[in-house]
PDB file of N, CA and C in Angstrom:
ATOM      1  N   MET A   1      17.401  12.545  13.367  1.00  0.00           N
ATOM      2  CA  MET A   1      16.680  13.412  12.439  1.00  0.00           C
ATOM      3  C   MET A   1      16.782  14.825  12.966  1.00  0.00           C
ATOM      4  N   VAL A   2      17.239  15.728  12.109  1.00  0.00           N
ATOM      5  CA  VAL A   2      17.373  17.107  12.520  1.00  0.00           C
ATOM      6  C   VAL A   2      16.011  17.794  12.471  1.00  0.00           C
ATOM      7  N   ALA A   3      15.919  18.933  13.105  1.00  0.00           N
ATOM      8  CA  ALA A   3      14.634  19.641  13.255  1.00  0.00           C
ATOM      9  C   ALA A   3      13.997  19.964  11.887  1.00  0.00           C
ATOM     10  N   HIS A   4      14.821  20.378  10.944  1.00  0.00           N
ATOM     11  CA  HIS A   4      14.283  20.721   9.617  1.00  0.00           C
ATOM     12  C   HIS A   4      13.659  19.495   8.936  1.00  0.00           C
ATOM     13  N   GLU A   5      14.346  18.345   9.015  1.00  0.00           N
ATOM     14  CA  GLU A   5      13.809  17.127   8.425  1.00  0.00           C
ATOM     15  C   GLU A   5      12.529  16.681   9.118  1.00  0.00           C
ATOM     16  N   ARG A   6      12.519  16.814  10.439  1.00  0.00           N
ATOM     17  CA  ARG A   6      11.333  16.445  11.208  1.00  0.00           C
ATOM     18  C   ARG A   6      10.132  17.308  10.807  1.00  0.00           C
ATOM     19  N   GLU A   7      10.374  18.613  10.684  1.00  0.00           N
ATOM     20  CA  GLU A   7       9.301  19.522  10.280  1.00  0.00           C
ATOM     21  C   GLU A   7       8.776  19.179   8.870  1.00  0.00           C
ATOM     22  N   ARG A   8       9.717  18.852   7.976  1.00  0.00           N
ATOM     23  CA  ARG A   8       9.318  18.509   6.607  1.00  0.00           C
ATOM     24  C   ARG A   8       8.531  17.209   6.607  1.00  0.00           C
ATOM     25  N   TRP A   9       8.958  16.236   7.382  1.00  0.00           N
ATOM     26  CA  TRP A   9       8.219  14.961   7.463  1.00  0.00           C
ATOM     27  C   TRP A   9       6.818  15.195   8.047  1.00  0.00           C
ATOM     28  N   GLU A  10       6.704  16.002   9.086  1.00  0.00           N
ATOM     29  CA  GLU A  10       5.392  16.296   9.695  1.00  0.00           C
ATOM     30  C   GLU A  10       4.480  16.984   8.674  1.00  0.00           C
ATOM     31  N   ARG A  11       5.044  17.924   7.892  1.00  0.00           N
ATOM     32  CA  ARG A  11       4.243  18.621   6.884  1.00  0.00           C
ATOM     33  C   ARG A  11       3.810  17.630   5.785  1.00  0.00           C
ATOM     34  N   THR A  12       4.730  16.759   5.372  1.00  0.00           N
ATOM     35  CA  THR A  12       4.411  15.739   4.359  1.00  0.00           C
ATOM     36  C   THR A  12       3.288  14.832   4.838  1.00  0.00           C
ATOM     37  N   ARG A  13       3.411  14.360   6.043  1.00  0.00           N
ATOM     38  CA  ARG A  13       2.409  13.446   6.627  1.00  0.00           C
ATOM     39  C   ARG A  13       1.058  14.145   6.746  1.00  0.00           C
ATOM     40  N   THR A  14       1.065  15.359   7.228  1.00  0.00           N
ATOM     41  CA  THR A  14      -0.190  16.105   7.399  1.00  0.00           C
ATOM     42  C   THR A  14      -0.842  16.387   6.048  1.00  0.00           C
ATOM     43  N   LEU A  15      -0.061  16.828   5.090  1.00  0.00           N
ATOM     44  CA  LEU A  15      -0.629  17.146   3.777  1.00  0.00           C
ATOM     45  C   LEU A  15      -1.140  15.886   3.084  1.00  0.00           C
ATOM     46  N   PHE A  16      -0.429  14.772   3.201  1.00  0.00           N
ATOM     47  CA  PHE A  16      -0.907  13.520   2.606  1.00  0.00           C
ATOM     48  C   PHE A  16      -2.225  13.117   3.254  1.00  0.00           C
ATOM     49  N   GLY A  17      -2.322  13.217   4.575  1.00  0.00           N
ATOM     50  CA  GLY A  17      -3.544  12.878   5.284  1.00  0.00           C
ATOM     51  C   GLY A  17      -4.745  13.702   4.841  1.00  0.00           C
ATOM     52  N   LEU A  18      -4.494  14.976   4.564  1.00  0.00           N
ATOM     53  CA  LEU A  18      -5.563  15.864   4.081  1.00  0.00           C
ATOM     54  C   LEU A  18      -5.974  15.531   2.650  1.00  0.00           C
ATOM     55  N   LEU A  19      -4.989  15.298   1.786  1.00  0.00           N
ATOM     56  CA  LEU A  19      -5.232  15.090   0.396  1.00  0.00           C
ATOM     57  C   LEU A  19      -5.822  13.735   0.058  1.00  0.00           C
ATOM     58  N   ILE A  20      -5.463  12.713   0.813  1.00  0.00           N
ATOM     59  CA  ILE A  20      -5.955  11.388   0.524  1.00  0.00           C
ATOM     60  C   ILE A  20      -7.451  11.279   0.655  1.00  0.00           C
ATOM     61  N   GLU A  21      -8.056  12.184   1.414  1.00  0.00           N
ATOM     62  CA  GLU A  21      -9.518  12.218   1.599  1.00  0.00           C
ATOM     63  C   GLU A  21     -10.228  12.945   0.462  1.00  0.00           C
ATOM     64  N   ARG A  22      -9.475  13.598  -0.422  1.00  0.00           N
ATOM     65  CA  ARG A  22     -10.065  14.398  -1.494  1.00  0.00           C
ATOM     66  C   ARG A  22     -10.116  13.621  -2.820  1.00  0.00           C
ATOM     67  N   ARG A  23     -10.927  14.127  -3.743  1.00  0.00           N
ATOM     68  CA  ARG A  23     -10.946  13.557  -5.094  1.00  0.00           C
ATOM     69  C   ARG A  23      -9.647  13.907  -5.800  1.00  0.00           C
ATOM     70  N   PRO A  24      -9.230  13.060  -6.756  1.00  0.00           N
ATOM     71  CA  PRO A  24      -7.945  13.291  -7.444  1.00  0.00           C
ATOM     72  C   PRO A  24      -7.787  14.692  -8.041  1.00  0.00           C
ATOM     73  N   ALA A  25      -8.808  15.233  -8.640  1.00  0.00           N
ATOM     74  CA  ALA A  25      -8.675  16.579  -9.225  1.00  0.00           C
ATOM     75  C   ALA A  25      -8.405  17.629  -8.158  1.00  0.00           C
ATOM     76  N   GLU A  26      -9.064  17.504  -7.023  1.00  0.00           N
ATOM     77  CA  GLU A  26      -8.832  18.438  -5.923  1.00  0.00           C
ATOM     78  C   GLU A  26      -7.432  18.267  -5.330  1.00  0.00           C
ATOM     79  N   ARG A  27      -6.981  17.063  -5.268  1.00  0.00           N
ATOM     80  CA  ARG A  27      -5.654  16.783  -4.688  1.00  0.00           C
ATOM     81  C   ARG A  27      -4.565  17.562  -5.411  1.00  0.00           C
ATOM     82  N   MET A  28      -4.575  17.475  -6.724  1.00  0.00           N
ATOM     83  CA  MET A  28      -3.498  18.122  -7.492  1.00  0.00           C
ATOM     84  C   MET A  28      -3.554  19.637  -7.346  1.00  0.00           C
ATOM     85  N   ALA A  29      -4.738  20.177  -7.310  1.00  0.00           N
ATOM     86  CA  ALA A  29      -4.866  21.662  -7.162  1.00  0.00           C
ATOM     87  C   ALA A  29      -4.330  22.081  -5.793  1.00  0.00           C
ATOM     88  N   LEU A  30      -4.694  21.355  -4.748  1.00  0.00           N
ATOM     89  CA  LEU A  30      -4.225  21.707  -3.424  1.00  0.00           C
ATOM     90  C   LEU A  30      -2.731  21.441  -3.255  1.00  0.00           C
ATOM     91  N   LEU A  31      -2.261  20.367  -3.868  1.00  0.00           N
ATOM     92  CA  LEU A  31      -0.848  20.047  -3.781  1.00  0.00           C
ATOM     93  C   LEU A  31      -0.001  21.131  -4.452  1.00  0.00           C
ATOM     94  N   ALA A  32      -0.495  21.696  -5.516  1.00  0.00           N
ATOM     95  CA  ALA A  32       0.227  22.764  -6.226  1.00  0.00           C
ATOM     96  C   ALA A  32       0.462  23.993  -5.346  1.00  0.00           C
ATOM     97  N   ASP A  33      -0.374  24.164  -4.312  1.00  0.00           N
ATOM     98  CA  ASP A  33      -0.219  25.309  -3.412  1.00  0.00           C
ATOM     99  C   ASP A  33       0.927  25.132  -2.413  1.00  0.00           C
ATOM    100  N   GLU A  34       1.436  23.926  -2.268  1.00  0.00           N
ATOM    101  CA  GLU A  34       2.552  23.656  -1.337  1.00  0.00           C
ATOM    102  C   GLU A  34       3.817  24.298  -1.882  1.00  0.00           C
ATOM    103  N   PRO A  35       4.434  25.209  -1.120  1.00  0.00           N
ATOM    104  CA  PRO A  35       5.625  25.909  -1.614  1.00  0.00           C
ATOM    105  C   PRO A  35       6.900  25.054  -1.669  1.00  0.00           C
ATOM    106  N   ASP A  36       6.988  24.029  -0.855  1.00  0.00           N
ATOM    107  CA  ASP A  36       8.212  23.202  -0.797  1.00  0.00           C
ATOM    108  C   ASP A  36       8.163  22.118  -1.872  1.00  0.00           C
ATOM    109  N   GLU A  37       9.060  22.182  -2.806  1.00  0.00           N
ATOM    110  CA  GLU A  37       9.104  21.211  -3.904  1.00  0.00           C
ATOM    111  C   GLU A  37       9.299  19.790  -3.425  1.00  0.00           C
ATOM    112  N   HIS A  38      10.153  19.590  -2.420  1.00  0.00           N
ATOM    113  CA  HIS A  38      10.403  18.253  -1.884  1.00  0.00           C
ATOM    114  C   HIS A  38       9.140  17.639  -1.272  1.00  0.00           C
ATOM    115  N   ILE A  39       8.410  18.456  -0.564  1.00  0.00           N
ATOM    116  CA  ILE A  39       7.158  17.979   0.033  1.00  0.00           C
ATOM    117  C   ILE A  39       6.159  17.650  -1.049  1.00  0.00           C
ATOM    118  N   ARG A  40       6.051  18.513  -2.049  1.00  0.00           N
ATOM    119  CA  ARG A  40       5.115  18.241  -3.164  1.00  0.00           C
ATOM    120  C   ARG A  40       5.460  16.910  -3.850  1.00  0.00           C
ATOM    121  N   ARG A  41       6.729  16.701  -4.099  1.00  0.00           N
ATOM    122  CA  ARG A  41       7.162  15.459  -4.750  1.00  0.00           C
ATOM    123  C   ARG A  41       6.880  14.252  -3.879  1.00  0.00           C
ATOM    124  N   ASP A  42       7.206  14.322  -2.606  1.00  0.00           N
ATOM    125  CA  ASP A  42       6.964  13.202  -1.696  1.00  0.00           C
ATOM    126  C   ASP A  42       5.492  12.863  -1.540  1.00  0.00           C
ATOM    127  N   VAL A  43       4.673  13.892  -1.394  1.00  0.00           N
ATOM    128  CA  VAL A  43       3.224  13.678  -1.238  1.00  0.00           C
ATOM    129  C   VAL A  43       2.638  13.117  -2.536  1.00  0.00           C
ATOM    130  N   ALA A  44       3.076  13.626  -3.670  1.00  0.00           N
ATOM    131  CA  ALA A  44       2.601  13.128  -4.965  1.00  0.00           C
ATOM    132  C   ALA A  44       2.947  11.645  -5.111  1.00  0.00           C
ATOM    133  N   SER A  45       4.138  11.277  -4.674  1.00  0.00           N
ATOM    134  CA  SER A  45       4.574   9.883  -4.750  1.00  0.00           C
ATOM    135  C   SER A  45       3.724   8.993  -3.846  1.00  0.00           C
ATOM    136  N   LEU A  46       3.425   9.472  -2.645  1.00  0.00           N
ATOM    137  CA  LEU A  46       2.587   8.711  -1.737  1.00  0.00           C
ATOM    138  C   LEU A  46       1.157   8.566  -2.270  1.00  0.00           C
ATOM    139  N   LEU A  47       0.640   9.623  -2.866  1.00  0.00           N
ATOM    140  CA  LEU A  47      -0.691   9.574  -3.453  1.00  0.00           C
ATOM    141  C   LEU A  47      -0.751   8.606  -4.629  1.00  0.00           C
ATOM    142  N   GLU A  48       0.278   8.621  -5.428  1.00  0.00           N
ATOM    143  CA  GLU A  48       0.337   7.715  -6.567  1.00  0.00           C
ATOM    144  C   GLU A  48       0.361   6.245  -6.104  1.00  0.00           C
ATOM    145  N   ALA A  49       1.186   5.999  -5.083  1.00  0.00           N
ATOM    146  CA  ALA A  49       1.298   4.626  -4.554  1.00  0.00           C
ATOM    147  C   ALA A  49      -0.024   4.170  -3.926  1.00  0.00           C
ATOM    148  N   SER A  50      -0.724   5.068  -3.283  1.00  0.00           N
ATOM    149  CA  SER A  50      -1.957   4.676  -2.627  1.00  0.00           C
ATOM    150  C   SER A  50      -3.106   4.472  -3.623  1.00  0.00           C
ATOM    151  N   ALA A  51      -2.986   5.023  -4.830  1.00  0.00           N
ATOM    152  CA  ALA A  51      -4.009   4.866  -5.851  1.00  0.00           C
ATOM    153  C   ALA A  51      -3.924   3.499  -6.540  1.00  0.00           C
ATOM    154  N   ASP A  52      -2.781   2.841  -6.401  1.00  0.00           N
ATOM    155  CA  ASP A  52      -2.579   1.546  -7.036  1.00  0.00           C
ATOM    156  C   ASP A  52      -3.460   0.504  -6.327  1.00  0.00           C
ATOM    157  N   ASP A  53      -4.199  -0.255  -7.133  1.00  0.00           N
ATOM    158  CA  ASP A  53      -5.104  -1.276  -6.575  1.00  0.00           C
ATOM    159  C   ASP A  53      -4.377  -2.363  -5.785  1.00  0.00           C
ATOM    160  N   THR A  54      -3.108  -2.555  -6.090  1.00  0.00           N
ATOM    161  CA  THR A  54      -2.354  -3.596  -5.398  1.00  0.00           C
ATOM    162  C   THR A  54      -1.672  -3.100  -4.127  1.00  0.00           C
ATOM    163  N   PHE A  55      -1.830  -1.804  -3.820  1.00  0.00           N
ATOM    164  CA  PHE A  55      -1.243  -1.228  -2.640  1.00  0.00           C
ATOM    165  C   PHE A  55      -1.714  -1.942  -1.399  1.00  0.00           C
ATOM    166  N   LEU A  56      -0.849  -2.496  -0.636  1.00  0.00           N
ATOM    167  CA  LEU A  56      -1.127  -3.279   0.567  1.00  0.00           C
ATOM    168  C   LEU A  56      -1.926  -4.553   0.314  1.00  0.00           C
ATOM    169  N   SER A  57      -1.961  -5.040  -0.911  1.00  0.00           N
ATOM    170  CA  SER A  57      -2.742  -6.239  -1.201  1.00  0.00           C
ATOM    171  C   SER A  57      -2.186  -7.444  -0.447  1.00  0.00           C
ATOM    172  N   GLU A  58      -0.899  -7.458  -0.212  1.00  0.00           N
ATOM    173  CA  GLU A  58      -0.311  -8.585   0.539  1.00  0.00           C
ATOM    174  C   GLU A  58      -0.836  -8.609   1.973  1.00  0.00           C
ATOM    175  N   VAL A  59      -1.062  -7.452   2.539  1.00  0.00           N
ATOM    176  CA  VAL A  59      -1.560  -7.365   3.930  1.00  0.00           C
ATOM    177  C   VAL A  59      -3.013  -7.810   4.018  1.00  0.00           C
ATOM    178  N   ASN A  60      -3.802  -7.502   2.993  1.00  0.00           N
ATOM    179  CA  ASN A  60      -5.228  -7.793   3.038  1.00  0.00           C
ATOM    180  C   ASN A  60      -5.590  -9.179   2.592  1.00  0.00           C
ATOM    181  N   ARG A  61      -4.651  -9.942   2.054  1.00  0.00           N
ATOM    182  CA  ARG A  61      -4.946 -11.286   1.596  1.00  0.00           C
ATOM    183  C   ARG A  61      -5.021 -12.238   2.803  1.00  0.00           C
ATOM    184  N   PRO A  62      -6.020 -13.125   2.845  1.00  0.00           N
ATOM    185  CA  PRO A  62      -6.093 -14.059   3.965  1.00  0.00           C
ATOM    186  C   PRO A  62      -4.928 -15.039   3.901  1.00  0.00           C
ATOM    187  N   PRO A  63      -4.497 -15.532   5.052  1.00  0.00           N
ATOM    188  CA  PRO A  63      -3.364 -16.465   5.061  1.00  0.00           C
ATOM    189  C   PRO A  63      -3.740 -17.793   4.429  1.00  0.00           C
ATOM    190  N   LEU A  64      -2.778 -18.430   3.811  1.00  0.00           N
ATOM    191  CA  LEU A  64      -2.979 -19.750   3.219  1.00  0.00           C
ATOM    192  C   LEU A  64      -2.986 -20.810   4.312  1.00  0.00           C
ATOM    193  N   SER A  65      -3.761 -21.843   4.107  1.00  0.00           N
ATOM    194  CA  SER A  65      -3.712 -22.970   5.053  1.00  0.00           C
ATOM    195  C   SER A  65      -2.461 -23.770   4.736  1.00  0.00           C
ATOM    196  N   LEU A  66      -2.018 -24.577   5.694  1.00  0.00           N
ATOM    197  CA  LEU A  66      -0.861 -25.414   5.467  1.00  0.00           C
ATOM    198  C   LEU A  66      -1.136 -26.427   4.367  1.00  0.00           C
ATOM    199  N   ASP A  67      -2.360 -26.942   4.295  1.00  0.00           N
ATOM    200  CA  ASP A  67      -2.693 -27.907   3.244  1.00  0.00           C
ATOM    201  C   ASP A  67      -2.576 -27.293   1.873  1.00  0.00           C
ATOM    202  N   ALA A  68      -2.942 -26.037   1.729  1.00  0.00           N
ATOM    203  CA  ALA A  68      -2.864 -25.379   0.442  1.00  0.00           C
ATOM    204  C   ALA A  68      -1.427 -25.222  -0.044  1.00  0.00           C
ATOM    205  N   MET A  69      -0.485 -25.183   0.879  1.00  0.00           N
ATOM    206  CA  MET A  69       0.914 -25.044   0.520  1.00  0.00           C
ATOM    207  C   MET A  69       1.583 -26.375   0.229  1.00  0.00           C
ATOM    208  N   ASP A  70       0.947 -27.466   0.603  1.00  0.00           N
ATOM    209  CA  ASP A  70       1.532 -28.791   0.427  1.00  0.00           C
ATOM    210  C   ASP A  70       1.249 -29.287  -1.008  1.00  0.00           C
ATOM    211  N   PRO A  71       2.274 -29.535  -1.796  1.00  0.00           N
ATOM    212  CA  PRO A  71       2.043 -29.954  -3.176  1.00  0.00           C
ATOM    213  C   PRO A  71       1.385 -31.330  -3.319  1.00  0.00           C
ATOM    214  N   LEU A  72       1.458 -32.171  -2.265  1.00  0.00           N
ATOM    215  CA  LEU A  72       0.870 -33.507  -2.350  1.00  0.00           C
ATOM    216  C   LEU A  72      -0.633 -33.520  -2.073  1.00  0.00           C
ATOM    217  N   VAL A  73      -1.127 -32.497  -1.390  1.00  0.00           N
ATOM    218  CA  VAL A  73      -2.581 -32.435  -1.095  1.00  0.00           C
ATOM    219  C   VAL A  73      -3.317 -32.288  -2.411  1.00  0.00           C
ATOM    220  N   GLY A  74      -4.264 -33.170  -2.635  1.00  0.00           N
ATOM    221  CA  GLY A  74      -5.017 -33.179  -3.893  1.00  0.00           C
ATOM    222  C   GLY A  74      -4.462 -34.161  -4.904  1.00  0.00           C
ATOM    223  N   ALA A  75      -3.282 -34.706  -4.623  1.00  0.00           N
ATOM    224  CA  ALA A  75      -2.664 -35.689  -5.556  1.00  0.00           C
ATOM    225  C   ALA A  75      -3.399 -37.018  -5.457  1.00  0.00           C
ATOM    226  N   SER A  76      -3.482 -37.712  -6.590  1.00  0.00           N
ATOM    227  CA  SER A  76      -4.099 -39.020  -6.617  1.00  0.00           C
ATOM    228  C   SER A  76      -3.005 -40.100  -6.570  1.00  0.00           C
ATOM    229  N   ILE A  77      -3.271 -41.106  -5.734  1.00  0.00           N
ATOM    230  CA  ILE A  77      -2.358 -42.251  -5.623  1.00  0.00           C
ATOM    231  C   ILE A  77      -3.254 -43.467  -5.800  1.00  0.00           C
ATOM    232  N   GLY A  78      -3.146 -44.075  -6.973  1.00  0.00           N
ATOM    233  CA  GLY A  78      -4.047 -45.186  -7.285  1.00  0.00           C
ATOM    234  C   GLY A  78      -5.469 -44.644  -7.356  1.00  0.00           C
ATOM    235  N   GLY A  79      -6.365 -45.247  -6.588  1.00  0.00           N
ATOM    236  CA  GLY A  79      -7.737 -44.796  -6.522  1.00  0.00           C
ATOM    237  C   GLY A  79      -7.999 -43.837  -5.395  1.00  0.00           C
ATOM    238  N   TYR A  80      -6.965 -43.393  -4.734  1.00  0.00           N
ATOM    239  CA  TYR A  80      -7.105 -42.534  -3.564  1.00  0.00           C
ATOM    240  C   TYR A  80      -6.615 -41.128  -3.874  1.00  0.00           C
ATOM    241  N   THR A  81      -7.208 -40.150  -3.193  1.00  0.00           N
ATOM    242  CA  THR A  81      -6.781 -38.749  -3.312  1.00  0.00           C
ATOM    243  C   THR A  81      -6.384 -38.253  -1.929  1.00  0.00           C
ATOM    244  N   LEU A  82      -5.193 -37.682  -1.841  1.00  0.00           N
ATOM    245  CA  LEU A  82      -4.704 -37.165  -0.568  1.00  0.00           C
ATOM    246  C   LEU A  82      -5.459 -35.887  -0.240  1.00  0.00           C
ATOM    247  N   VAL A  83      -6.243 -35.891   0.840  1.00  0.00           N
ATOM    248  CA  VAL A  83      -7.051 -34.741   1.232  1.00  0.00           C
ATOM    249  C   VAL A  83      -6.264 -33.837   2.154  1.00  0.00           C
ATOM    250  N   ARG A  84      -5.536 -34.424   3.075  1.00  0.00           N
ATOM    251  CA  ARG A  84      -4.690 -33.642   3.973  1.00  0.00           C
ATOM    252  C   ARG A  84      -3.527 -34.516   4.438  1.00  0.00           C
ATOM    253  N   ARG A  85      -2.525 -33.941   4.881  1.00  0.00           N
ATOM    254  CA  ARG A  85      -1.343 -34.647   5.314  1.00  0.00           C
ATOM    255  C   ARG A  85      -1.385 -34.881   6.774  1.00  0.00           C
TER     256      ARG A  85
END
């Protein structure tokens, strides 16, 4: 990564960190003050992604038990029900 790219990434990261703490209306006003179009676009994209309710939902979901993944658990065989394998 060249120095210019590193500086732009640092500015993007810093600006995103500042704006994510603000209300949406404030974010856009402050973002408009950023002179670099690339940084504005990148930060806007990050803010949009973070506003999505499903953002990181895979990370926050509890892990499934092995029994829950087994299609036979819960199946009935005659008068019996398979509770676990």
